[in-house]
Amino acid sequence: MPARDTQKEKFYRAERGVFGYWEDDSATLEDLREAQQYANRVTSSKVWLQLGGPRFVLVKDGRSRRRAAMVGATAIAVPRWARQEAMILHELTHILMFRLDKKAAYHGPQYVLMFRVLVESMLGLDKRLELDHALEEGGVRWGIDGSNRLQTTLQQLEKWG
């Protein structure tokens, strides 16, 4: 059973501030095919594979859902509004965390650490730094121990892995 997800709302608030989720025009990927292509780019990336992610994740139509979600060990569902790069990364991070530590909180410090790594890898350092600022402003913890800054992300990953 996963740990309590005590910082979920704080994380969502910071994430929305950076990526603009739930706005009418927030979708940046035209259709399910483009969402799958983006997921394929992520899952074939060096960083993803080094983190232990599966080589393929199926992107399903999320029409029957209000929110995007991980819907299995190797599948995510994304409603039309959620078809954007950062939301795909969000759900892929859940798949990664499920493989690495089934007991970790869904949006806990380890999850946020992995999300930050994927954001930097796929969206760039500037976007990751913008996210870091929003996370700090919102009181969101990340890292193996939740300390945000005691060690670099790579040092933390080496200790965890």
C-alpha atoms as a PDB file:
ATOM      1  CA  MET A   1       0.000   0.000   0.000  1.00  0.00           C
ATOM      2  CA  PRO A   2       1.422   3.402  -0.971  1.00  0.00           C
ATOM      3  CA  ALA A   3       2.331   5.972   1.666  1.00  0.00           C
ATOM      4  CA  ARG A   4      -0.131   8.814   2.306  1.00  0.00           C
ATOM      5  CA  ASP A   5      -0.120  11.351  -0.511  1.00  0.00           C
ATOM      6  CA  THR A   6       0.191  14.390   1.744  1.00  0.00           C
ATOM      7  CA  GLN A   7       1.526  16.872  -0.811  1.00  0.00           C
ATOM      8  CA  LYS A   8      -0.712  16.045  -3.774  1.00  0.00           C
ATOM      9  CA  GLU A   9      -2.656  19.319  -3.813  1.00  0.00           C
ATOM     10  CA  LYS A  10       0.508  21.398  -3.325  1.00  0.00           C
ATOM     11  CA  PHE A  11       2.159  19.553  -6.192  1.00  0.00           C
ATOM     12  CA  TYR A  12      -0.884  19.954  -8.476  1.00  0.00           C
ATOM     13  CA  ARG A  13      -1.020  23.681  -7.717  1.00  0.00           C
ATOM     14  CA  ALA A  14       2.675  24.161  -8.577  1.00  0.00           C
ATOM     15  CA  GLU A  15       2.353  22.020 -11.691  1.00  0.00           C
ATOM     16  CA  ARG A  16      -0.727  23.910 -12.918  1.00  0.00           C
ATOM     17  CA  GLY A  17       1.074  27.202 -12.418  1.00  0.00           C
ATOM     18  CA  VAL A  18       3.921  26.111 -14.680  1.00  0.00           C
ATOM     19  CA  PHE A  19       2.112  24.045 -17.294  1.00  0.00           C
ATOM     20  CA  GLY A  20      -1.408  25.545 -17.331  1.00  0.00           C
ATOM     21  CA  TYR A  21      -3.343  22.302 -16.941  1.00  0.00           C
ATOM     22  CA  TRP A  22      -7.119  22.337 -17.083  1.00  0.00           C
ATOM     23  CA  GLU A  23      -7.296  25.389 -19.297  1.00  0.00           C
ATOM     24  CA  ASP A  24      -9.529  25.038 -22.360  1.00  0.00           C
ATOM     25  CA  ASP A  25      -6.655  25.480 -24.800  1.00  0.00           C
ATOM     26  CA  SER A  26      -3.991  23.580 -22.856  1.00  0.00           C
ATOM     27  CA  ALA A  27      -3.758  20.546 -25.167  1.00  0.00           C
ATOM     28  CA  THR A  28      -0.605  20.778 -27.277  1.00  0.00           C
ATOM     29  CA  LEU A  29      -0.769  17.348 -28.890  1.00  0.00           C
ATOM     30  CA  GLU A  30      -3.406  17.245 -31.615  1.00  0.00           C
ATOM     31  CA  ASP A  31      -4.697  13.727 -31.088  1.00  0.00           C
ATOM     32  CA  LEU A  32      -4.075  10.349 -29.507  1.00  0.00           C
ATOM     33  CA  ARG A  33      -1.556   9.449 -32.230  1.00  0.00           C
ATOM     34  CA  GLU A  34       0.600  12.481 -31.346  1.00  0.00           C
ATOM     35  CA  ALA A  35       0.286  11.685 -27.642  1.00  0.00           C
ATOM     36  CA  GLN A  36       1.501   8.136 -28.342  1.00  0.00           C
ATOM     37  CA  GLN A  37       4.396   9.458 -30.443  1.00  0.00           C
ATOM     38  CA  TYR A  38       5.450  11.745 -27.610  1.00  0.00           C
ATOM     39  CA  ALA A  39       5.230   8.908 -25.076  1.00  0.00           C
ATOM     40  CA  ASN A  40       7.340   6.781 -27.437  1.00  0.00           C
ATOM     41  CA  ARG A  41       9.977   9.543 -27.550  1.00  0.00           C
ATOM     42  CA  VAL A  42      10.097   9.583 -23.762  1.00  0.00           C
ATOM     43  CA  THR A  43      10.183   5.803 -23.343  1.00  0.00           C
ATOM     44  CA  SER A  44      12.989   5.443 -25.873  1.00  0.00           C
ATOM     45  CA  SER A  45      15.073   8.214 -24.263  1.00  0.00           C
ATOM     46  CA  LYS A  46      18.336   7.402 -22.547  1.00  0.00           C
ATOM     47  CA  VAL A  47      17.194   8.976 -19.266  1.00  0.00           C
ATOM     48  CA  TRP A  48      13.942   6.978 -19.167  1.00  0.00           C
ATOM     49  CA  LEU A  49      15.742   3.713 -19.825  1.00  0.00           C
ATOM     50  CA  GLN A  50      18.454   4.503 -17.253  1.00  0.00           C
ATOM     51  CA  LEU A  51      15.728   5.143 -14.677  1.00  0.00           C
ATOM     52  CA  GLY A  52      14.335   1.678 -15.377  1.00  0.00           C
ATOM     53  CA  GLY A  53      11.186   2.614 -17.276  1.00  0.00           C
ATOM     54  CA  PRO A  54       9.470   0.131 -19.606  1.00  0.00           C
ATOM     55  CA  ARG A  55      10.377   0.384 -23.294  1.00  0.00           C
ATOM     56  CA  PHE A  56       6.753   0.945 -24.308  1.00  0.00           C
ATOM     57  CA  VAL A  57       3.769   2.565 -22.637  1.00  0.00           C
ATOM     58  CA  LEU A  58       0.383   2.515 -24.346  1.00  0.00           C
ATOM     59  CA  VAL A  59      -1.491   5.823 -24.457  1.00  0.00           C
ATOM     60  CA  LYS A  60      -5.235   5.173 -24.308  1.00  0.00           C
ATOM     61  CA  ASP A  61      -8.101   7.487 -25.102  1.00  0.00           C
ATOM     62  CA  GLY A  62      -9.363   8.995 -21.859  1.00  0.00           C
ATOM     63  CA  ARG A  63     -12.833   9.974 -23.065  1.00  0.00           C
ATOM     64  CA  SER A  64     -14.555   8.206 -20.210  1.00  0.00           C
ATOM     65  CA  ARG A  65     -12.286   9.899 -17.642  1.00  0.00           C
ATOM     66  CA  ARG A  66     -12.212  13.377 -16.141  1.00  0.00           C
ATOM     67  CA  ARG A  67      -8.494  13.140 -15.395  1.00  0.00           C
ATOM     68  CA  ALA A  68      -5.466  11.580 -16.969  1.00  0.00           C
ATOM     69  CA  ALA A  69      -4.301   8.467 -15.145  1.00  0.00           C
ATOM     70  CA  MET A  70      -2.010   5.495 -15.086  1.00  0.00           C
ATOM     71  CA  VAL A  71      -4.317   2.596 -15.989  1.00  0.00           C
ATOM     72  CA  GLY A  72      -1.917  -0.301 -15.639  1.00  0.00           C
ATOM     73  CA  ALA A  73       1.771  -1.031 -15.295  1.00  0.00           C
ATOM     74  CA  THR A  74       2.381   0.044 -18.903  1.00  0.00           C
ATOM     75  CA  ALA A  75      -0.603   2.179 -19.938  1.00  0.00           C
ATOM     76  CA  ILE A  76      -1.940   5.693 -19.368  1.00  0.00           C
ATOM     77  CA  ALA A  77      -5.288   7.246 -20.299  1.00  0.00           C
ATOM     78  CA  VAL A  78      -5.393  10.867 -21.412  1.00  0.00           C
ATOM     79  CA  PRO A  79      -8.588  12.836 -22.023  1.00  0.00           C
ATOM     80  CA  ARG A  80      -8.431  15.393 -24.840  1.00  0.00           C
ATOM     81  CA  TRP A  81      -7.564  18.327 -22.521  1.00  0.00           C
ATOM     82  CA  ALA A  82      -4.631  16.357 -21.055  1.00  0.00           C
ATOM     83  CA  ARG A  83      -2.884  15.744 -24.353  1.00  0.00           C
ATOM     84  CA  GLN A  84       0.162  17.834 -23.612  1.00  0.00           C
ATOM     85  CA  GLU A  85       3.777  16.954 -23.038  1.00  0.00           C
ATOM     86  CA  ALA A  86       3.938  17.758 -19.328  1.00  0.00           C
ATOM     87  CA  MET A  87       0.786  15.749 -18.541  1.00  0.00           C
ATOM     88  CA  ILE A  88       2.178  12.768 -20.437  1.00  0.00           C
ATOM     89  CA  LEU A  89       5.369  13.126 -18.351  1.00  0.00           C
ATOM     90  CA  HIS A  90       3.250  13.306 -15.179  1.00  0.00           C
ATOM     91  CA  GLU A  91       1.515  10.010 -15.942  1.00  0.00           C
ATOM     92  CA  LEU A  92       4.692   8.338 -17.183  1.00  0.00           C
ATOM     93  CA  THR A  93       6.333   9.273 -13.882  1.00  0.00           C
ATOM     94  CA  HIS A  94       3.600   7.291 -12.103  1.00  0.00           C
ATOM     95  CA  ILE A  95       4.502   4.258 -14.229  1.00  0.00           C
ATOM     96  CA  LEU A  96       8.170   4.741 -13.416  1.00  0.00           C
ATOM     97  CA  MET A  97       7.475   5.060  -9.683  1.00  0.00           C
ATOM     98  CA  PHE A  98       5.227   1.987  -9.741  1.00  0.00           C
ATOM     99  CA  ARG A  99       8.213   0.010 -11.052  1.00  0.00           C
ATOM    100  CA  LEU A 100      10.719   1.553  -8.632  1.00  0.00           C
ATOM    101  CA  ASP A 101       8.807   1.741  -5.360  1.00  0.00           C
ATOM    102  CA  LYS A 102       5.189   0.620  -5.060  1.00  0.00           C
ATOM    103  CA  LYS A 103       5.057   1.953  -1.484  1.00  0.00           C
ATOM    104  CA  ALA A 104       6.047   5.554  -2.296  1.00  0.00           C
ATOM    105  CA  ALA A 105       3.385   8.265  -2.045  1.00  0.00           C
ATOM    106  CA  TYR A 106       1.826   8.977  -5.452  1.00  0.00           C
ATOM    107  CA  HIS A 107       3.074  12.586  -5.445  1.00  0.00           C
ATOM    108  CA  GLY A 108       5.673  12.269  -2.699  1.00  0.00           C
ATOM    109  CA  PRO A 109       9.279  13.491  -2.693  1.00  0.00           C
ATOM    110  CA  GLN A 110      10.580  10.563  -4.766  1.00  0.00           C
ATOM    111  CA  TYR A 111       7.840  11.029  -7.374  1.00  0.00           C
ATOM    112  CA  VAL A 112       8.573  14.765  -7.643  1.00  0.00           C
ATOM    113  CA  LEU A 113      12.284  14.010  -8.027  1.00  0.00           C
ATOM    114  CA  MET A 114      11.591  11.660 -10.948  1.00  0.00           C
ATOM    115  CA  PHE A 115       9.158  14.136 -12.536  1.00  0.00           C
ATOM    116  CA  ARG A 116      11.816  16.878 -12.340  1.00  0.00           C
ATOM    117  CA  VAL A 117      14.348  14.585 -14.033  1.00  0.00           C
ATOM    118  CA  LEU A 118      11.911  13.852 -16.873  1.00  0.00           C
ATOM    119  CA  VAL A 119      10.916  17.504 -17.250  1.00  0.00           C
ATOM    120  CA  GLU A 120      14.551  18.535 -17.606  1.00  0.00           C
ATOM    121  CA  SER A 121      15.317  15.678 -19.975  1.00  0.00           C
ATOM    122  CA  MET A 122      12.324  16.219 -22.263  1.00  0.00           C
ATOM    123  CA  LEU A 123      11.338  19.887 -21.841  1.00  0.00           C
ATOM    124  CA  GLY A 124      14.673  21.443 -20.939  1.00  0.00           C
ATOM    125  CA  LEU A 125      16.535  22.960 -18.025  1.00  0.00           C
ATOM    126  CA  ASP A 126      14.653  26.276 -18.159  1.00  0.00           C
ATOM    127  CA  LYS A 127      11.302  24.535 -17.708  1.00  0.00           C
ATOM    128  CA  ARG A 128      12.714  22.411 -14.871  1.00  0.00           C
ATOM    129  CA  LEU A 129      14.024  25.521 -13.132  1.00  0.00           C
ATOM    130  CA  GLU A 130      10.625  27.186 -13.511  1.00  0.00           C
ATOM    131  CA  LEU A 131       9.044  24.081 -12.005  1.00  0.00           C
ATOM    132  CA  ASP A 132      11.590  24.083  -9.144  1.00  0.00           C
ATOM    133  CA  HIS A 133      10.677  27.669  -8.316  1.00  0.00           C
ATOM    134  CA  ALA A 134       6.945  26.845  -8.252  1.00  0.00           C
ATOM    135  CA  LEU A 135       7.587  23.736  -6.138  1.00  0.00           C
ATOM    136  CA  GLU A 136       9.638  25.679  -3.610  1.00  0.00           C
ATOM    137  CA  GLU A 137       7.095  28.504  -3.459  1.00  0.00           C
ATOM    138  CA  GLY A 138       4.374  25.923  -2.854  1.00  0.00           C
ATOM    139  CA  GLY A 139       6.253  24.034  -0.154  1.00  0.00           C
ATOM    140  CA  VAL A 140       6.553  20.837  -2.220  1.00  0.00           C
ATOM    141  CA  ARG A 141       9.349  18.517  -1.133  1.00  0.00           C
ATOM    142  CA  TRP A 142      11.417  16.388  -3.496  1.00  0.00           C
ATOM    143  CA  GLY A 143      14.330  14.014  -3.282  1.00  0.00           C
ATOM    144  CA  ILE A 144      15.040  10.752  -1.584  1.00  0.00           C
ATOM    145  CA  ASP A 145      14.730  12.335   1.834  1.00  0.00           C
ATOM    146  CA  GLY A 146      12.449  15.236   0.870  1.00  0.00           C
ATOM    147  CA  SER A 147      15.127  17.837   1.583  1.00  0.00           C
ATOM    148  CA  ASN A 148      15.099  19.467  -1.887  1.00  0.00           C
ATOM    149  CA  ARG A 149      18.720  20.562  -1.853  1.00  0.00           C
ATOM    150  CA  LEU A 150      21.022  18.403   0.289  1.00  0.00           C
ATOM    151  CA  GLN A 151      22.424  16.649  -2.763  1.00  0.00           C
ATOM    152  CA  THR A 152      22.117  16.965  -6.510  1.00  0.00           C
ATOM    153  CA  THR A 153      19.461  14.974  -8.293  1.00  0.00           C
ATOM    154  CA  LEU A 154      22.027  12.630  -9.813  1.00  0.00           C
ATOM    155  CA  GLN A 155      23.630  11.911  -6.421  1.00  0.00           C
ATOM    156  CA  GLN A 156      20.190  11.146  -5.039  1.00  0.00           C
ATOM    157  CA  LEU A 157      19.404   8.824  -7.936  1.00  0.00           C
ATOM    158  CA  GLU A 158      22.685   6.963  -7.424  1.00  0.00           C
ATOM    159  CA  LYS A 159      21.895   6.459  -3.722  1.00  0.00           C
ATOM    160  CA  TRP A 160      18.325   5.372  -4.446  1.00  0.00           C
ATOM    161  CA  GLY A 161      19.079   3.089  -7.385  1.00  0.00           C
END
